[in-house]
Amino acid sequence: MDIKEALRSFFKEMILPELTELKSGQEKLNERLDGVDKRLSDINAHLVDQSRRIDTLRDELNSRIDLVHKEIAETNKRIDRLYEVIVRRDEHSQLQTKVAELERRLGEIERKLAA
């Protein structure tokens, strides 16, 4: 029985204090892990919220970009139409000048033939 008591005494004096310290350390680590888990959960919720906001903003920006592209296409059509009108006016003016020149020549030819 003396050996049994000696071993019991040894365990109480040497191992139990260390086990108590290990349990205390484990409790502190668990508390810290709980805090870290909560913080990570908060950060994750924040990131999800930011992701939703980014998606909403991206959708709004894509709509605006599409609208601007549509407006640019319409403006280009108007510019092309204006160019056509200007070219026709220029061609019309040139044709008027040629017709006037041809009428003048025809008048000269008619006068020569009449003379």
N, C-alpha and C. Protein backbone atom coordinates (compact mmCIF):
# COMPACT_ATOMS: atom_id res chain seq x y z
N MET A 1 0.79 -1.19 0.00
CA MET A 1 0.00 0.00 0.00
C MET A 1 0.84 1.25 0.00
N ASP A 2 2.00 1.13 0.51
CA ASP A 2 2.87 2.30 0.52
C ASP A 2 3.21 2.76 -0.90
N ILE A 3 3.39 1.82 -1.79
CA ILE A 3 3.71 2.18 -3.18
C ILE A 3 2.50 2.85 -3.80
N LYS A 4 1.33 2.30 -3.52
CA LYS A 4 0.11 2.87 -4.05
C LYS A 4 -0.08 4.30 -3.55
N GLU A 5 0.12 4.50 -2.30
CA GLU A 5 0.01 5.84 -1.72
C GLU A 5 1.09 6.76 -2.26
N ALA A 6 2.27 6.22 -2.45
CA ALA A 6 3.38 7.03 -2.98
C ALA A 6 3.06 7.47 -4.41
N LEU A 7 2.54 6.55 -5.21
CA LEU A 7 2.18 6.90 -6.59
C LEU A 7 1.04 7.91 -6.60
N ARG A 8 0.07 7.71 -5.74
CA ARG A 8 -1.06 8.63 -5.65
C ARG A 8 -0.55 10.02 -5.26
N SER A 9 0.31 10.06 -4.30
CA SER A 9 0.89 11.33 -3.85
C SER A 9 1.69 11.99 -4.98
N PHE A 10 2.46 11.17 -5.71
CA PHE A 10 3.26 11.67 -6.84
C PHE A 10 2.34 12.28 -7.90
N PHE A 11 1.28 11.57 -8.24
CA PHE A 11 0.35 12.07 -9.26
C PHE A 11 -0.32 13.37 -8.81
N LYS A 12 -0.69 13.41 -7.53
CA LYS A 12 -1.33 14.61 -7.01
C LYS A 12 -0.39 15.80 -7.03
N GLU A 13 0.86 15.55 -6.71
CA GLU A 13 1.82 16.67 -6.63
C GLU A 13 2.40 17.07 -7.97
N MET A 14 2.60 16.13 -8.87
CA MET A 14 3.30 16.43 -10.13
C MET A 14 2.35 16.56 -11.34
N ILE A 15 1.47 15.62 -11.47
CA ILE A 15 0.69 15.57 -12.69
C ILE A 15 -0.59 16.40 -12.59
N LEU A 16 -1.28 16.36 -11.49
CA LEU A 16 -2.53 17.11 -11.36
C LEU A 16 -2.35 18.61 -11.55
N PRO A 17 -1.30 19.23 -11.00
CA PRO A 17 -1.11 20.66 -11.27
C PRO A 17 -0.89 20.95 -12.77
N GLU A 18 -0.14 20.06 -13.41
CA GLU A 18 0.09 20.26 -14.84
C GLU A 18 -1.19 20.06 -15.64
N LEU A 19 -1.97 19.07 -15.26
CA LEU A 19 -3.26 18.88 -15.93
C LEU A 19 -4.17 20.08 -15.72
N THR A 20 -4.15 20.63 -14.52
CA THR A 20 -4.95 21.82 -14.23
C THR A 20 -4.50 22.99 -15.11
N GLU A 21 -3.19 23.16 -15.25
CA GLU A 21 -2.66 24.22 -16.12
C GLU A 21 -3.06 23.98 -17.56
N LEU A 22 -2.95 22.72 -18.02
CA LEU A 22 -3.33 22.41 -19.39
C LEU A 22 -4.81 22.69 -19.64
N LYS A 23 -5.67 22.31 -18.68
CA LYS A 23 -7.10 22.58 -18.81
C LYS A 23 -7.36 24.08 -18.85
N SER A 24 -6.68 24.81 -18.00
CA SER A 24 -6.84 26.27 -17.97
C SER A 24 -6.39 26.87 -19.30
N GLY A 25 -5.25 26.40 -19.80
CA GLY A 25 -4.76 26.89 -21.09
C GLY A 25 -5.71 26.55 -22.22
N GLN A 26 -6.28 25.34 -22.17
CA GLN A 26 -7.22 24.93 -23.19
C GLN A 26 -8.48 25.78 -23.14
N GLU A 27 -8.95 26.11 -21.94
CA GLU A 27 -10.13 26.98 -21.80
C GLU A 27 -9.86 28.36 -22.39
N LYS A 28 -8.64 28.89 -22.11
CA LYS A 28 -8.29 30.20 -22.67
C LYS A 28 -8.23 30.14 -24.20
N LEU A 29 -7.65 29.05 -24.72
CA LEU A 29 -7.58 28.90 -26.18
C LEU A 29 -8.97 28.77 -26.79
N ASN A 30 -9.83 28.03 -26.10
CA ASN A 30 -11.21 27.90 -26.60
C ASN A 30 -11.93 29.24 -26.60
N GLU A 31 -11.71 30.04 -25.56
CA GLU A 31 -12.31 31.38 -25.51
C GLU A 31 -11.80 32.24 -26.67
N ARG A 32 -10.48 32.16 -26.91
CA ARG A 32 -9.89 32.93 -28.01
C ARG A 32 -10.43 32.45 -29.35
N LEU A 33 -10.53 31.12 -29.51
CA LEU A 33 -11.07 30.58 -30.75
C LEU A 33 -12.52 31.01 -30.96
N ASP A 34 -13.29 31.03 -29.89
CA ASP A 34 -14.67 31.50 -30.00
C ASP A 34 -14.71 32.95 -30.46
N GLY A 35 -13.82 33.76 -29.89
CA GLY A 35 -13.73 35.17 -30.30
C GLY A 35 -13.33 35.31 -31.76
N VAL A 36 -12.34 34.50 -32.17
CA VAL A 36 -11.88 34.54 -33.57
C VAL A 36 -13.00 34.07 -34.50
N ASP A 37 -13.71 33.00 -34.10
CA ASP A 37 -14.83 32.51 -34.91
C ASP A 37 -15.91 33.57 -35.07
N LYS A 38 -16.20 34.26 -33.99
CA LYS A 38 -17.22 35.32 -34.07
C LYS A 38 -16.76 36.45 -35.00
N ARG A 39 -15.50 36.81 -34.85
CA ARG A 39 -14.95 37.88 -35.70
C ARG A 39 -14.95 37.46 -37.17
N LEU A 40 -14.56 36.21 -37.44
CA LEU A 40 -14.58 35.72 -38.82
C LEU A 40 -16.00 35.68 -39.37
N SER A 41 -16.95 35.33 -38.52
CA SER A 41 -18.36 35.33 -38.94
C SER A 41 -18.81 36.74 -39.28
N ASP A 42 -18.42 37.73 -38.45
CA ASP A 42 -18.75 39.13 -38.72
C ASP A 42 -18.12 39.60 -40.03
N ILE A 43 -16.85 39.23 -40.23
CA ILE A 43 -16.15 39.63 -41.45
C ILE A 43 -16.81 38.99 -42.67
N ASN A 44 -17.18 37.71 -42.54
CA ASN A 44 -17.84 37.02 -43.64
C ASN A 44 -19.17 37.69 -43.99
N ALA A 45 -19.94 38.05 -42.98
CA ALA A 45 -21.21 38.74 -43.22
C ALA A 45 -20.96 40.08 -43.92
N HIS A 46 -19.92 40.78 -43.49
CA HIS A 46 -19.57 42.06 -44.11
C HIS A 46 -19.17 41.85 -45.58
N LEU A 47 -18.38 40.81 -45.84
CA LEU A 47 -17.95 40.54 -47.22
C LEU A 47 -19.14 40.15 -48.10
N VAL A 48 -20.07 39.40 -47.56
CA VAL A 48 -21.27 39.04 -48.32
C VAL A 48 -22.05 40.31 -48.66
N ASP A 49 -22.19 41.21 -47.68
CA ASP A 49 -22.89 42.48 -47.91
C ASP A 49 -22.17 43.30 -48.99
N GLN A 50 -20.85 43.38 -48.89
CA GLN A 50 -20.07 44.13 -49.87
C GLN A 50 -20.22 43.51 -51.26
N SER A 51 -20.23 42.19 -51.31
CA SER A 51 -20.38 41.49 -52.59
C SER A 51 -21.73 41.82 -53.21
N ARG A 52 -22.78 41.85 -52.41
CA ARG A 52 -24.11 42.22 -52.93
C ARG A 52 -24.11 43.65 -53.44
N ARG A 53 -23.48 44.53 -52.68
CA ARG A 53 -23.43 45.94 -53.12
C ARG A 53 -22.66 46.07 -54.43
N ILE A 54 -21.56 45.34 -54.55
CA ILE A 54 -20.76 45.38 -55.78
C ILE A 54 -21.59 44.85 -56.95
N ASP A 55 -22.31 43.75 -56.73
CA ASP A 55 -23.15 43.21 -57.80
C ASP A 55 -24.21 44.21 -58.23
N THR A 56 -24.85 44.87 -57.26
CA THR A 56 -25.86 45.88 -57.58
C THR A 56 -25.25 47.03 -58.36
N LEU A 57 -24.11 47.50 -57.90
CA LEU A 57 -23.43 48.60 -58.57
C LEU A 57 -23.01 48.19 -59.99
N ARG A 58 -22.51 46.96 -60.13
CA ARG A 58 -22.09 46.48 -61.44
C ARG A 58 -23.29 46.44 -62.39
N ASP A 59 -24.44 45.96 -61.88
CA ASP A 59 -25.64 45.93 -62.72
C ASP A 59 -26.05 47.33 -63.14
N GLU A 60 -26.02 48.28 -62.18
CA GLU A 60 -26.37 49.67 -62.52
C GLU A 60 -25.39 50.24 -63.55
N LEU A 61 -24.09 49.97 -63.36
CA LEU A 61 -23.10 50.51 -64.29
C LEU A 61 -23.24 49.88 -65.67
N ASN A 62 -23.50 48.57 -65.73
CA ASN A 62 -23.69 47.92 -67.02
C ASN A 62 -24.89 48.51 -67.74
N SER A 63 -25.95 48.81 -67.01
CA SER A 63 -27.13 49.43 -67.63
C SER A 63 -26.77 50.81 -68.18
N ARG A 64 -26.02 51.57 -67.41
CA ARG A 64 -25.62 52.90 -67.88
C ARG A 64 -24.70 52.81 -69.10
N ILE A 65 -23.77 51.87 -69.06
CA ILE A 65 -22.85 51.68 -70.19
C ILE A 65 -23.63 51.29 -71.44
N ASP A 66 -24.60 50.38 -71.28
CA ASP A 66 -25.42 49.99 -72.43
C ASP A 66 -26.18 51.20 -72.98
N LEU A 67 -26.71 52.02 -72.08
CA LEU A 67 -27.44 53.22 -72.51
C LEU A 67 -26.51 54.17 -73.27
N VAL A 68 -25.30 54.37 -72.76
CA VAL A 68 -24.35 55.25 -73.44
C VAL A 68 -23.99 54.70 -74.81
N HIS A 69 -23.77 53.37 -74.90
CA HIS A 69 -23.47 52.77 -76.21
C HIS A 69 -24.62 52.98 -77.18
N LYS A 70 -25.85 52.85 -76.68
CA LYS A 70 -27.03 53.06 -77.53
C LYS A 70 -27.08 54.52 -78.00
N GLU A 71 -26.82 55.46 -77.08
CA GLU A 71 -26.83 56.88 -77.45
C GLU A 71 -25.73 57.19 -78.47
N ILE A 72 -24.57 56.57 -78.29
CA ILE A 72 -23.47 56.79 -79.24
C ILE A 72 -23.85 56.26 -80.61
N ALA A 73 -24.48 55.08 -80.65
CA ALA A 73 -24.91 54.51 -81.93
C ALA A 73 -25.93 55.43 -82.61
N GLU A 74 -26.87 55.96 -81.83
CA GLU A 74 -27.87 56.88 -82.40
C GLU A 74 -27.20 58.15 -82.91
N THR A 75 -26.24 58.66 -82.15
CA THR A 75 -25.52 59.87 -82.57
C THR A 75 -24.75 59.61 -83.86
N ASN A 76 -24.12 58.44 -83.94
CA ASN A 76 -23.38 58.08 -85.16
C ASN A 76 -24.33 58.00 -86.37
N LYS A 77 -25.54 57.46 -86.15
CA LYS A 77 -26.52 57.41 -87.24
C LYS A 77 -26.88 58.81 -87.69
N ARG A 78 -27.10 59.72 -86.71
CA ARG A 78 -27.44 61.11 -87.06
C ARG A 78 -26.30 61.79 -87.81
N ILE A 79 -25.08 61.53 -87.36
CA ILE A 79 -23.91 62.13 -88.04
C ILE A 79 -23.81 61.59 -89.47
N ASP A 80 -24.04 60.28 -89.64
CA ASP A 80 -24.00 59.70 -90.99
C ASP A 80 -25.07 60.33 -91.88
N ARG A 81 -26.27 60.49 -91.31
CA ARG A 81 -27.37 61.11 -92.07
C ARG A 81 -27.04 62.56 -92.44
N LEU A 82 -26.48 63.29 -91.49
CA LEU A 82 -26.08 64.68 -91.76
C LEU A 82 -25.02 64.73 -92.85
N TYR A 83 -24.08 63.80 -92.82
CA TYR A 83 -23.04 63.74 -93.85
C TYR A 83 -23.67 63.51 -95.22
N GLU A 84 -24.65 62.58 -95.26
CA GLU A 84 -25.33 62.32 -96.53
C GLU A 84 -26.03 63.57 -97.03
N VAL A 85 -26.68 64.29 -96.14
CA VAL A 85 -27.40 65.51 -96.53
C VAL A 85 -26.40 66.55 -97.04
N ILE A 86 -25.30 66.71 -96.34
CA ILE A 86 -24.29 67.70 -96.75
C ILE A 86 -23.70 67.34 -98.10
N VAL A 87 -23.39 66.05 -98.29
CA VAL A 87 -22.83 65.61 -99.58
C VAL A 87 -23.85 65.84 -100.69
N ARG A 88 -25.11 65.54 -100.45
CA ARG A 88 -26.14 65.77 -101.47
C ARG A 88 -26.25 67.26 -101.80
N ARG A 89 -26.19 68.11 -100.78
CA ARG A 89 -26.26 69.56 -101.04
C ARG A 89 -25.07 70.00 -101.86
N ASP A 90 -23.88 69.46 -101.50
CA ASP A 90 -22.68 69.82 -102.24
C ASP A 90 -22.78 69.32 -103.68
N GLU A 91 -23.25 68.06 -103.85
CA GLU A 91 -23.43 67.53 -105.19
C GLU A 91 -24.48 68.34 -105.95
N HIS A 92 -25.55 68.72 -105.26
CA HIS A 92 -26.61 69.52 -105.89
C HIS A 92 -26.04 70.86 -106.35
N SER A 93 -25.24 71.47 -105.52
CA SER A 93 -24.63 72.75 -105.89
C SER A 93 -23.71 72.58 -107.09
N GLN A 94 -22.94 71.50 -107.08
CA GLN A 94 -22.04 71.24 -108.22
C GLN A 94 -22.85 70.99 -109.49
N LEU A 95 -23.94 70.23 -109.35
CA LEU A 95 -24.79 69.96 -110.52
C LEU A 95 -25.42 71.25 -111.04
N GLN A 96 -25.85 72.13 -110.14
CA GLN A 96 -26.41 73.41 -110.57
C GLN A 96 -25.37 74.20 -111.37
N THR A 97 -24.14 74.19 -110.88
CA THR A 97 -23.07 74.90 -111.58
C THR A 97 -22.84 74.30 -112.95
N LYS A 98 -22.82 72.95 -113.05
CA LYS A 98 -22.61 72.29 -114.33
C LYS A 98 -23.77 72.56 -115.29
N VAL A 99 -25.00 72.51 -114.75
CA VAL A 99 -26.17 72.79 -115.59
C VAL A 99 -26.10 74.23 -116.11
N ALA A 100 -25.74 75.15 -115.25
CA ALA A 100 -25.63 76.56 -115.68
C ALA A 100 -24.56 76.69 -116.76
N GLU A 101 -23.43 75.99 -116.59
CA GLU A 101 -22.35 76.03 -117.58
C GLU A 101 -22.81 75.42 -118.90
N LEU A 102 -23.54 74.28 -118.80
CA LEU A 102 -24.04 73.63 -120.03
C LEU A 102 -25.08 74.50 -120.73
N GLU A 103 -25.94 75.16 -119.95
CA GLU A 103 -26.93 76.06 -120.55
C GLU A 103 -26.24 77.22 -121.25
N ARG A 104 -25.18 77.74 -120.63
CA ARG A 104 -24.44 78.83 -121.26
C ARG A 104 -23.81 78.38 -122.57
N ARG A 105 -23.20 77.18 -122.57
CA ARG A 105 -22.58 76.66 -123.80
C ARG A 105 -23.63 76.41 -124.87
N LEU A 106 -24.76 75.82 -124.41
CA LEU A 106 -25.84 75.55 -125.36
C LEU A 106 -26.33 76.87 -125.98
N GLY A 107 -26.44 77.89 -125.15
CA GLY A 107 -26.85 79.20 -125.67
C GLY A 107 -25.85 79.72 -126.67
N GLU A 108 -24.56 79.54 -126.45
CA GLU A 108 -23.53 79.98 -127.38
C GLU A 108 -23.62 79.21 -128.70
N ILE A 109 -23.86 77.88 -128.56
CA ILE A 109 -23.95 77.05 -129.76
C ILE A 109 -25.19 77.47 -130.57
N GLU A 110 -26.30 77.68 -129.87
CA GLU A 110 -27.52 78.08 -130.57
C GLU A 110 -27.30 79.43 -131.29
N ARG A 111 -26.58 80.37 -130.64
CA ARG A 111 -26.32 81.66 -131.28
C ARG A 111 -25.43 81.50 -132.50
N LYS A 112 -24.45 80.60 -132.40
CA LYS A 112 -23.57 80.39 -133.53
C LYS A 112 -24.33 79.77 -134.69
N LEU A 113 -25.21 78.81 -134.32
CA LEU A 113 -25.98 78.17 -135.37
C LEU A 113 -27.00 79.15 -135.99
N ALA A 114 -27.51 80.03 -135.20
CA ALA A 114 -28.49 81.00 -135.69
C ALA A 114 -27.81 82.05 -136.57
N ALA A 115 -26.53 82.29 -136.35
CA ALA A 115 -25.84 83.34 -137.08
C ALA A 115 -25.40 82.94 -138.44
